[in-house]
Amino acid sequence: MSPADSQELANPRGHDVNLRSAPQRREYESIAARIARDWPGRVLDWGCGYGQMTWLLSREGLEVEPFNYVPGLEADERRTLERFPEHQALLSGDPIRLPYEDASFGAVLSCGVLEHVARPGESLDELRRVLAPGGALYVYKLPNRRSYLEWIARRTGLYYHGAYPDDRLYDLESAVALLGASGFRVTEARLANMLPLTVPGRLADALAEPIWALNRALARVPVLNRLATNVEAVAVVSAHAAVASSASA
């Protein structure tokens, strides 16, 4: 697949379809509310993209630091988020290193990011470094390798995970193993999202709440949920990892 073909495949409905879809926005709101309930302190929005999660977390009253990786950027810089100009993201051209001190955050959010990084183990080690002892990593939108929607997307010209070289798919077992190998203790892990959520238009806007409710209910059905779209996890920095990180500093 040529780069041009890959770009066309990835975005037949536009780059910002996730922002224009009311059911998808409902999921984002749910994620922000979930993190806010834990009230973890300062949050790193790792790979913040357009900044929708930064905006929603800030609306919940949390202190949020938006961060984006920009290939080829020679020096770290802050840049205003075009869609959410009240926020400035810190940008870096390094695919692994984070320009923050050790133990800078009470939580890190990875919302549709971890599956795209070139070296996930090294990236997770770096996230662990910037988390305070006992800090939480929230992983959302990690693609499930058994997803029926991924199967359909591969056969209909829509974006699917695996279209780009660094894309990876997971299941519950491999996601938990990956997090554990980087010194995280997984406290929650589940399969989520049985219905397509990136559905723009007036009808989807009107039906966003029932779509979201049905989506969540179906994801709780045993066996059926093995075909869900995503893996979600919450993990904390294990005591052993925190001690080891402190000793190596």
C-alpha atoms as a PDB file:
ATOM      1  CA  MET A   1       0.000   0.000   0.000  1.00  0.00           C
ATOM      2  CA  SER A   2       1.412   3.370  -1.003  1.00  0.00           C
ATOM      3  CA  PRO A   3       1.454   6.286   1.520  1.00  0.00           C
ATOM      4  CA  ALA A   4      -1.201   8.024  -0.545  1.00  0.00           C
ATOM      5  CA  ASP A   5      -3.438   4.953  -0.521  1.00  0.00           C
ATOM      6  CA  SER A   6      -2.877   4.517   3.212  1.00  0.00           C
ATOM      7  CA  GLN A   7      -3.821   8.133   3.884  1.00  0.00           C
ATOM      8  CA  GLU A   8      -7.009   7.745   1.808  1.00  0.00           C
ATOM      9  CA  LEU A   9      -7.859   4.504   3.562  1.00  0.00           C
ATOM     10  CA  ALA A  10      -7.389   6.026   6.974  1.00  0.00           C
ATOM     11  CA  ASN A  11      -9.740   8.948   6.573  1.00  0.00           C
ATOM     12  CA  PRO A  12     -12.583   8.366   4.084  1.00  0.00           C
ATOM     13  CA  ARG A  13     -14.921  10.326   6.395  1.00  0.00           C
ATOM     14  CA  GLY A  14     -12.371  12.996   7.330  1.00  0.00           C
ATOM     15  CA  HIS A  15      -9.671  13.262   9.985  1.00  0.00           C
ATOM     16  CA  ASP A  16     -12.036  14.774  12.532  1.00  0.00           C
ATOM     17  CA  VAL A  17     -14.938  12.317  12.297  1.00  0.00           C
ATOM     18  CA  ASN A  18     -14.437  11.458  15.972  1.00  0.00           C
ATOM     19  CA  LEU A  19     -15.148  15.076  16.908  1.00  0.00           C
ATOM     20  CA  ARG A  20     -18.232  15.263  14.690  1.00  0.00           C
ATOM     21  CA  SER A  21     -19.826  12.076  15.996  1.00  0.00           C
ATOM     22  CA  ALA A  22     -22.145  12.445  18.982  1.00  0.00           C
ATOM     23  CA  PRO A  23     -21.884   8.770  20.087  1.00  0.00           C
ATOM     24  CA  GLN A  24     -18.091   9.044  20.075  1.00  0.00           C
ATOM     25  CA  ARG A  25     -18.247  12.276  22.054  1.00  0.00           C
ATOM     26  CA  ARG A  26     -20.394  10.419  24.575  1.00  0.00           C
ATOM     27  CA  GLU A  27     -17.585   7.918  25.096  1.00  0.00           C
ATOM     28  CA  TYR A  28     -15.054  10.705  25.543  1.00  0.00           C
ATOM     29  CA  GLU A  29     -17.283  12.288  28.177  1.00  0.00           C
ATOM     30  CA  SER A  30     -17.532   8.962  29.980  1.00  0.00           C
ATOM     31  CA  ILE A  31     -13.751   8.595  30.036  1.00  0.00           C
ATOM     32  CA  ALA A  32     -13.278  12.092  31.454  1.00  0.00           C
ATOM     33  CA  ALA A  33     -15.902  11.486  34.136  1.00  0.00           C
ATOM     34  CA  ARG A  34     -14.267   8.167  35.071  1.00  0.00           C
ATOM     35  CA  ILE A  35     -10.861   9.755  35.581  1.00  0.00           C
ATOM     36  CA  ALA A  36     -12.357  12.707  37.448  1.00  0.00           C
ATOM     37  CA  ARG A  37     -13.994  10.334  39.940  1.00  0.00           C
ATOM     38  CA  ASP A  38     -10.523   9.142  40.929  1.00  0.00           C
ATOM     39  CA  TRP A  39      -9.299  12.744  41.218  1.00  0.00           C
ATOM     40  CA  PRO A  40      -5.688  11.715  40.532  1.00  0.00           C
ATOM     41  CA  GLY A  41      -4.084  15.160  40.503  1.00  0.00           C
ATOM     42  CA  ARG A  42      -2.197  16.433  37.471  1.00  0.00           C
ATOM     43  CA  VAL A  43      -2.963  14.426  34.312  1.00  0.00           C
ATOM     44  CA  LEU A  44      -0.801  13.948  31.223  1.00  0.00           C
ATOM     45  CA  ASP A  45      -2.915  13.661  28.070  1.00  0.00           C
ATOM     46  CA  TRP A  46      -0.354  11.604  26.136  1.00  0.00           C
ATOM     47  CA  GLY A  47      -0.854  12.011  22.403  1.00  0.00           C
ATOM     48  CA  CYS A  48      -3.635  14.532  22.896  1.00  0.00           C
ATOM     49  CA  GLY A  49      -4.441  14.899  19.174  1.00  0.00           C
ATOM     50  CA  TYR A  50      -7.029  17.600  18.625  1.00  0.00           C
ATOM     51  CA  GLY A  51      -7.275  18.081  22.397  1.00  0.00           C
ATOM     52  CA  GLN A  52     -10.810  16.884  23.047  1.00  0.00           C
ATOM     53  CA  MET A  53      -9.821  14.867  26.122  1.00  0.00           C
ATOM     54  CA  THR A  54      -7.726  17.737  27.486  1.00  0.00           C
ATOM     55  CA  TRP A  55     -10.758  19.992  27.166  1.00  0.00           C
ATOM     56  CA  LEU A  56     -13.131  17.487  28.767  1.00  0.00           C
ATOM     57  CA  LEU A  57     -10.783  16.673  31.651  1.00  0.00           C
ATOM     58  CA  SER A  58     -10.256  20.387  32.277  1.00  0.00           C
ATOM     59  CA  ARG A  59     -14.026  20.864  32.272  1.00  0.00           C
ATOM     60  CA  GLU A  60     -14.152  18.249  35.050  1.00  0.00           C
ATOM     61  CA  GLY A  61     -11.831  20.467  37.090  1.00  0.00           C
ATOM     62  CA  LEU A  62      -8.612  18.505  36.597  1.00  0.00           C
ATOM     63  CA  GLU A  63      -5.209  20.018  35.849  1.00  0.00           C
ATOM     64  CA  VAL A  64      -4.212  18.625  32.439  1.00  0.00           C
ATOM     65  CA  GLU A  65      -1.002  18.742  30.424  1.00  0.00           C
ATOM     66  CA  PRO A  66      -1.614  18.027  26.706  1.00  0.00           C
ATOM     67  CA  PHE A  67       1.307  16.447  24.845  1.00  0.00           C
ATOM     68  CA  ASN A  68       1.802  15.490  21.196  1.00  0.00           C
ATOM     69  CA  TYR A  69       4.594  13.766  19.298  1.00  0.00           C
ATOM     70  CA  VAL A  70       5.434  15.527  16.025  1.00  0.00           C
ATOM     71  CA  PRO A  71       7.917  13.643  13.799  1.00  0.00           C
ATOM     72  CA  GLY A  72      10.788  15.806  12.611  1.00  0.00           C
ATOM     73  CA  LEU A  73      10.330  18.570  15.175  1.00  0.00           C
ATOM     74  CA  GLU A  74      13.834  19.706  16.125  1.00  0.00           C
ATOM     75  CA  ALA A  75      13.083  21.301  19.499  1.00  0.00           C
ATOM     76  CA  ASP A  76      10.271  21.006  22.020  1.00  0.00           C
ATOM     77  CA  GLU A  77       7.728  23.789  21.724  1.00  0.00           C
ATOM     78  CA  ARG A  78       4.273  24.772  22.900  1.00  0.00           C
ATOM     79  CA  ARG A  79       1.545  25.255  20.355  1.00  0.00           C
ATOM     80  CA  THR A  80      -2.084  26.300  20.715  1.00  0.00           C
ATOM     81  CA  LEU A  81      -4.571  23.542  19.958  1.00  0.00           C
ATOM     82  CA  GLU A  82      -6.550  24.746  16.948  1.00  0.00           C
ATOM     83  CA  ARG A  83      -9.861  23.173  17.997  1.00  0.00           C
ATOM     84  CA  PHE A  84      -9.447  24.080  21.670  1.00  0.00           C
ATOM     85  CA  PRO A  85      -7.433  27.334  21.665  1.00  0.00           C
ATOM     86  CA  GLU A  86      -7.696  27.782  25.419  1.00  0.00           C
ATOM     87  CA  HIS A  87      -5.107  24.985  25.686  1.00  0.00           C
ATOM     88  CA  GLN A  88      -1.502  24.760  24.540  1.00  0.00           C
ATOM     89  CA  ALA A  89       0.103  21.384  23.924  1.00  0.00           C
ATOM     90  CA  LEU A  90       3.766  20.644  24.480  1.00  0.00           C
ATOM     91  CA  LEU A  91       5.172  19.146  21.282  1.00  0.00           C
ATOM     92  CA  SER A  92       8.248  16.948  20.906  1.00  0.00           C
ATOM     93  CA  GLY A  93       9.998  15.297  18.005  1.00  0.00           C
ATOM     94  CA  ASP A  94      11.269  12.427  20.133  1.00  0.00           C
ATOM     95  CA  PRO A  95       9.083   9.297  19.755  1.00  0.00           C
ATOM     96  CA  ILE A  96       9.950   7.988  23.227  1.00  0.00           C
ATOM     97  CA  ARG A  97      11.351  10.626  25.568  1.00  0.00           C
ATOM     98  CA  LEU A  98       8.918  12.805  27.473  1.00  0.00           C
ATOM     99  CA  PRO A  99      10.124  16.318  28.385  1.00  0.00           C
ATOM    100  CA  TYR A 100       9.028  16.085  32.011  1.00  0.00           C
ATOM    101  CA  GLU A 101      10.707  15.423  35.342  1.00  0.00           C
ATOM    102  CA  ASP A 102      10.319  12.121  37.143  1.00  0.00           C
ATOM    103  CA  ALA A 103       7.057  11.660  39.066  1.00  0.00           C
ATOM    104  CA  SER A 104       5.470  14.745  37.484  1.00  0.00           C
ATOM    105  CA  PHE A 105       1.936  13.377  37.144  1.00  0.00           C
ATOM    106  CA  GLY A 106      -0.691  11.611  39.191  1.00  0.00           C
ATOM    107  CA  ALA A 107      -2.170  10.045  36.068  1.00  0.00           C
ATOM    108  CA  VAL A 108      -1.535   9.504  32.366  1.00  0.00           C
ATOM    109  CA  LEU A 109      -4.254   9.067  29.769  1.00  0.00           C
ATOM    110  CA  SER A 110      -3.607   7.053  26.608  1.00  0.00           C
ATOM    111  CA  CYS A 111      -6.733   7.399  24.485  1.00  0.00           C
ATOM    112  CA  GLY A 112      -6.134   5.787  21.122  1.00  0.00           C
ATOM    113  CA  VAL A 113      -2.350   6.229  21.329  1.00  0.00           C
ATOM    114  CA  LEU A 114      -0.527   3.171  22.687  1.00  0.00           C
ATOM    115  CA  GLU A 115      -1.456   1.032  19.677  1.00  0.00           C
ATOM    116  CA  HIS A 116       0.341   3.416  17.310  1.00  0.00           C
ATOM    117  CA  VAL A 117       3.773   3.799  18.958  1.00  0.00           C
ATOM    118  CA  ALA A 118       6.811   2.132  17.429  1.00  0.00           C
ATOM    119  CA  ARG A 119       8.229   0.736  20.676  1.00  0.00           C
ATOM    120  CA  PRO A 120       5.388   0.282  23.170  1.00  0.00           C
ATOM    121  CA  GLY A 121       7.537  -1.197  25.927  1.00  0.00           C
ATOM    122  CA  GLU A 122       9.930   1.755  25.907  1.00  0.00           C
ATOM    123  CA  SER A 123       7.051   4.217  25.758  1.00  0.00           C
ATOM    124  CA  LEU A 124       5.410   2.567  28.760  1.00  0.00           C
ATOM    125  CA  ASP A 125       8.689   2.677  30.669  1.00  0.00           C
ATOM    126  CA  GLU A 126       8.791   6.414  30.024  1.00  0.00           C
ATOM    127  CA  LEU A 127       5.192   6.858  31.138  1.00  0.00           C
ATOM    128  CA  ARG A 128       6.008   4.986  34.328  1.00  0.00           C
ATOM    129  CA  ARG A 129       8.958   7.328  34.896  1.00  0.00           C
ATOM    130  CA  VAL A 130       6.832  10.479  34.792  1.00  0.00           C
ATOM    131  CA  LEU A 131       4.123   8.993  37.017  1.00  0.00           C
ATOM    132  CA  ALA A 132       4.277   9.548  40.750  1.00  0.00           C
ATOM    133  CA  PRO A 133       4.405   6.418  42.963  1.00  0.00           C
ATOM    134  CA  GLY A 134       0.948   4.903  42.920  1.00  0.00           C
ATOM    135  CA  GLY A 135       0.032   6.971  39.857  1.00  0.00           C
ATOM    136  CA  ALA A 136      -2.474   5.570  37.381  1.00  0.00           C
ATOM    137  CA  LEU A 137      -2.277   4.891  33.656  1.00  0.00           C
ATOM    138  CA  TYR A 138      -5.665   4.909  31.905  1.00  0.00           C
ATOM    139  CA  VAL A 139      -5.644   3.068  28.575  1.00  0.00           C
ATOM    140  CA  TYR A 140      -8.625   3.500  26.260  1.00  0.00           C
ATOM    141  CA  LYS A 141      -9.363   2.700  22.615  1.00  0.00           C
ATOM    142  CA  LEU A 142      -6.745  -0.071  22.422  1.00  0.00           C
ATOM    143  CA  PRO A 143      -7.849  -2.165  19.412  1.00  0.00           C
ATOM    144  CA  ASN A 144      -9.033  -5.702  20.114  1.00  0.00           C
ATOM    145  CA  ARG A 145      -7.527  -8.203  17.671  1.00  0.00           C
ATOM    146  CA  ARG A 146     -10.842 -10.120  17.555  1.00  0.00           C
ATOM    147  CA  SER A 147     -13.001  -7.069  16.787  1.00  0.00           C
ATOM    148  CA  TYR A 148     -15.701  -7.697  14.201  1.00  0.00           C
ATOM    149  CA  LEU A 149     -15.585  -3.999  13.247  1.00  0.00           C
ATOM    150  CA  GLU A 150     -11.866  -4.274  12.459  1.00  0.00           C
ATOM    151  CA  TRP A 151     -12.696  -7.304  10.285  1.00  0.00           C
ATOM    152  CA  ILE A 152     -15.353  -5.336   8.414  1.00  0.00           C
ATOM    153  CA  ALA A 153     -13.085  -2.287   8.004  1.00  0.00           C
ATOM    154  CA  ARG A 154     -10.353  -4.368   6.389  1.00  0.00           C
ATOM    155  CA  ARG A 155     -12.798  -5.517   3.735  1.00  0.00           C
ATOM    156  CA  THR A 156     -14.629  -2.264   3.015  1.00  0.00           C
ATOM    157  CA  GLY A 157     -11.839   0.282   2.532  1.00  0.00           C
ATOM    158  CA  LEU A 158     -12.167   1.922   5.945  1.00  0.00           C
ATOM    159  CA  TYR A 159      -9.253   2.500   8.277  1.00  0.00           C
ATOM    160  CA  TYR A 160      -8.202  -0.584  10.233  1.00  0.00           C
ATOM    161  CA  HIS A 161      -5.424  -1.057  12.760  1.00  0.00           C
ATOM    162  CA  GLY A 162      -2.584  -2.608  10.847  1.00  0.00           C
ATOM    163  CA  ALA A 163      -2.821  -0.194   7.918  1.00  0.00           C
ATOM    164  CA  TYR A 164       0.273   1.599   9.198  1.00  0.00           C
ATOM    165  CA  PRO A 165       3.618  -0.074  10.026  1.00  0.00           C
ATOM    166  CA  ASP A 166       3.541   0.613  13.786  1.00  0.00           C
ATOM    167  CA  ASP A 167      -0.111  -0.318  14.358  1.00  0.00           C
ATOM    168  CA  ARG A 168      -0.690  -3.136  16.816  1.00  0.00           C
ATOM    169  CA  LEU A 169      -3.727  -5.071  17.957  1.00  0.00           C
ATOM    170  CA  TYR A 170      -4.197  -6.594  21.396  1.00  0.00           C
ATOM    171  CA  ASP A 171      -6.427  -8.809  23.453  1.00  0.00           C
ATOM    172  CA  LEU A 172      -6.971  -8.714  27.211  1.00  0.00           C
ATOM    173  CA  GLU A 173      -4.123 -11.115  27.899  1.00  0.00           C
ATOM    174  CA  SER A 174      -1.517  -9.394  25.738  1.00  0.00           C
ATOM    175  CA  ALA A 175      -2.485  -5.923  26.988  1.00  0.00           C
ATOM    176  CA  VAL A 176      -2.174  -6.985  30.632  1.00  0.00           C
ATOM    177  CA  ALA A 177       1.144  -8.700  29.891  1.00  0.00           C
ATOM    178  CA  LEU A 178       2.529  -5.613  28.139  1.00  0.00           C
ATOM    179  CA  LEU A 179       1.622  -3.343  31.043  1.00  0.00           C
ATOM    180  CA  GLY A 180       3.003  -5.778  33.597  1.00  0.00           C
ATOM    181  CA  ALA A 181       6.322  -6.052  31.752  1.00  0.00           C
ATOM    182  CA  SER A 182       6.783  -2.296  32.180  1.00  0.00           C
ATOM    183  CA  GLY A 183       6.210  -2.307  35.923  1.00  0.00           C
ATOM    184  CA  PHE A 184       2.483  -1.617  36.045  1.00  0.00           C
ATOM    185  CA  ARG A 185      -0.033  -3.490  38.146  1.00  0.00           C
ATOM    186  CA  VAL A 186      -3.319  -3.795  36.262  1.00  0.00           C
ATOM    187  CA  THR A 187      -6.322  -3.043  38.469  1.00  0.00           C
ATOM    188  CA  GLU A 188      -8.982  -3.059  35.740  1.00  0.00           C
ATOM    189  CA  ALA A 189      -9.118  -4.689  32.314  1.00  0.00           C
ATOM    190  CA  ARG A 190     -12.141  -5.182  30.100  1.00  0.00           C
ATOM    191  CA  LEU A 191     -13.446  -5.368  26.555  1.00  0.00           C
ATOM    192  CA  ALA A 192     -15.492  -2.388  25.414  1.00  0.00           C
ATOM    193  CA  ASN A 193     -17.552  -0.984  22.544  1.00  0.00           C
ATOM    194  CA  MET A 194     -19.706  -3.295  20.452  1.00  0.00           C
ATOM    195  CA  LEU A 195     -21.235  -0.660  18.160  1.00  0.00           C
ATOM    196  CA  PRO A 196     -19.563   1.773  15.758  1.00  0.00           C
ATOM    197  CA  LEU A 197     -19.348   5.152  17.515  1.00  0.00           C
ATOM    198  CA  THR A 198     -17.753   7.361  14.870  1.00  0.00           C
ATOM    199  CA  VAL A 199     -21.068   7.953  13.118  1.00  0.00           C
ATOM    200  CA  PRO A 200     -21.656  11.608  12.216  1.00  0.00           C
ATOM    201  CA  GLY A 201     -24.962  13.134  11.202  1.00  0.00           C
ATOM    202  CA  ARG A 202     -28.252  14.360  12.617  1.00  0.00           C
ATOM    203  CA  LEU A 203     -29.689  10.911  13.234  1.00  0.00           C
ATOM    204  CA  ALA A 204     -26.626   9.837  15.236  1.00  0.00           C
ATOM    205  CA  ASP A 205     -26.813  13.118  17.156  1.00  0.00           C
ATOM    206  CA  ALA A 206     -30.438  12.442  18.074  1.00  0.00           C
ATOM    207  CA  LEU A 207     -29.795   8.818  19.058  1.00  0.00           C
ATOM    208  CA  ALA A 208     -26.419   9.275  20.762  1.00  0.00           C
ATOM    209  CA  GLU A 209     -27.620   8.387  24.261  1.00  0.00           C
ATOM    210  CA  PRO A 210     -29.493   5.164  23.361  1.00  0.00           C
ATOM    211  CA  ILE A 211     -26.626   4.129  21.064  1.00  0.00           C
ATOM    212  CA  TRP A 212     -24.193   4.608  23.926  1.00  0.00           C
ATOM    213  CA  ALA A 213     -26.404   2.740  26.393  1.00  0.00           C
ATOM    214  CA  LEU A 214     -26.870  -0.228  24.027  1.00  0.00           C
ATOM    215  CA  ASN A 215     -23.161  -0.218  23.219  1.00  0.00           C
ATOM    216  CA  ARG A 216     -22.268  -0.524  26.895  1.00  0.00           C
ATOM    217  CA  ALA A 217     -24.888  -3.208  27.547  1.00  0.00           C
ATOM    218  CA  LEU A 218     -23.697  -5.388  24.668  1.00  0.00           C
ATOM    219  CA  ALA A 219     -20.089  -5.102  25.849  1.00  0.00           C
ATOM    220  CA  ARG A 220     -21.105  -6.776  29.105  1.00  0.00           C
ATOM    221  CA  VAL A 221     -22.459  -9.900  27.386  1.00  0.00           C
ATOM    222  CA  PRO A 222     -20.015 -12.808  27.890  1.00  0.00           C
ATOM    223  CA  VAL A 223     -18.646 -14.493  24.759  1.00  0.00           C
ATOM    224  CA  LEU A 224     -20.228 -11.856  22.507  1.00  0.00           C
ATOM    225  CA  ASN A 225     -17.904  -9.221  23.921  1.00  0.00           C
ATOM    226  CA  ARG A 226     -14.894 -11.150  22.651  1.00  0.00           C
ATOM    227  CA  LEU A 227     -15.717  -9.420  19.351  1.00  0.00           C
ATOM    228  CA  ALA A 228     -15.707  -5.937  20.931  1.00  0.00           C
ATOM    229  CA  THR A 229     -13.786  -3.086  19.366  1.00  0.00           C
ATOM    230  CA  ASN A 230     -11.495  -2.147  22.222  1.00  0.00           C
ATOM    231  CA  VAL A 231      -9.496  -3.246  25.215  1.00  0.00           C
ATOM    232  CA  GLU A 232      -9.516  -0.869  28.188  1.00  0.00           C
ATOM    233  CA  ALA A 233      -7.255  -0.983  31.224  1.00  0.00           C
ATOM    234  CA  VAL A 234      -6.334   0.943  34.316  1.00  0.00           C
ATOM    235  CA  ALA A 235      -2.920   0.230  35.807  1.00  0.00           C
ATOM    236  CA  VAL A 236      -0.874   1.693  38.638  1.00  0.00           C
ATOM    237  CA  VAL A 237       2.857   1.945  39.117  1.00  0.00           C
ATOM    238  CA  SER A 238       3.772  -1.091  41.176  1.00  0.00           C
ATOM    239  CA  ALA A 239       5.713  -0.566  44.398  1.00  0.00           C
ATOM    240  CA  HIS A 240       8.639  -2.601  43.067  1.00  0.00           C
ATOM    241  CA  ALA A 241       8.809  -0.531  39.875  1.00  0.00           C
ATOM    242  CA  ALA A 242       8.623   2.732  41.809  1.00  0.00           C
ATOM    243  CA  VAL A 243      11.537   1.663  44.033  1.00  0.00           C
ATOM    244  CA  ALA A 244      13.582   0.516  41.031  1.00  0.00           C
ATOM    245  CA  SER A 245      12.911   3.766  39.164  1.00  0.00           C
ATOM    246  CA  SER A 246      13.928   5.822  42.195  1.00  0.00           C
ATOM    247  CA  ALA A 247      17.132   3.822  42.639  1.00  0.00           C
ATOM    248  CA  SER A 248      18.162   4.316  39.008  1.00  0.00           C
ATOM    249  CA  ALA A 249      17.530   8.095  39.030  1.00  0.00           C
END
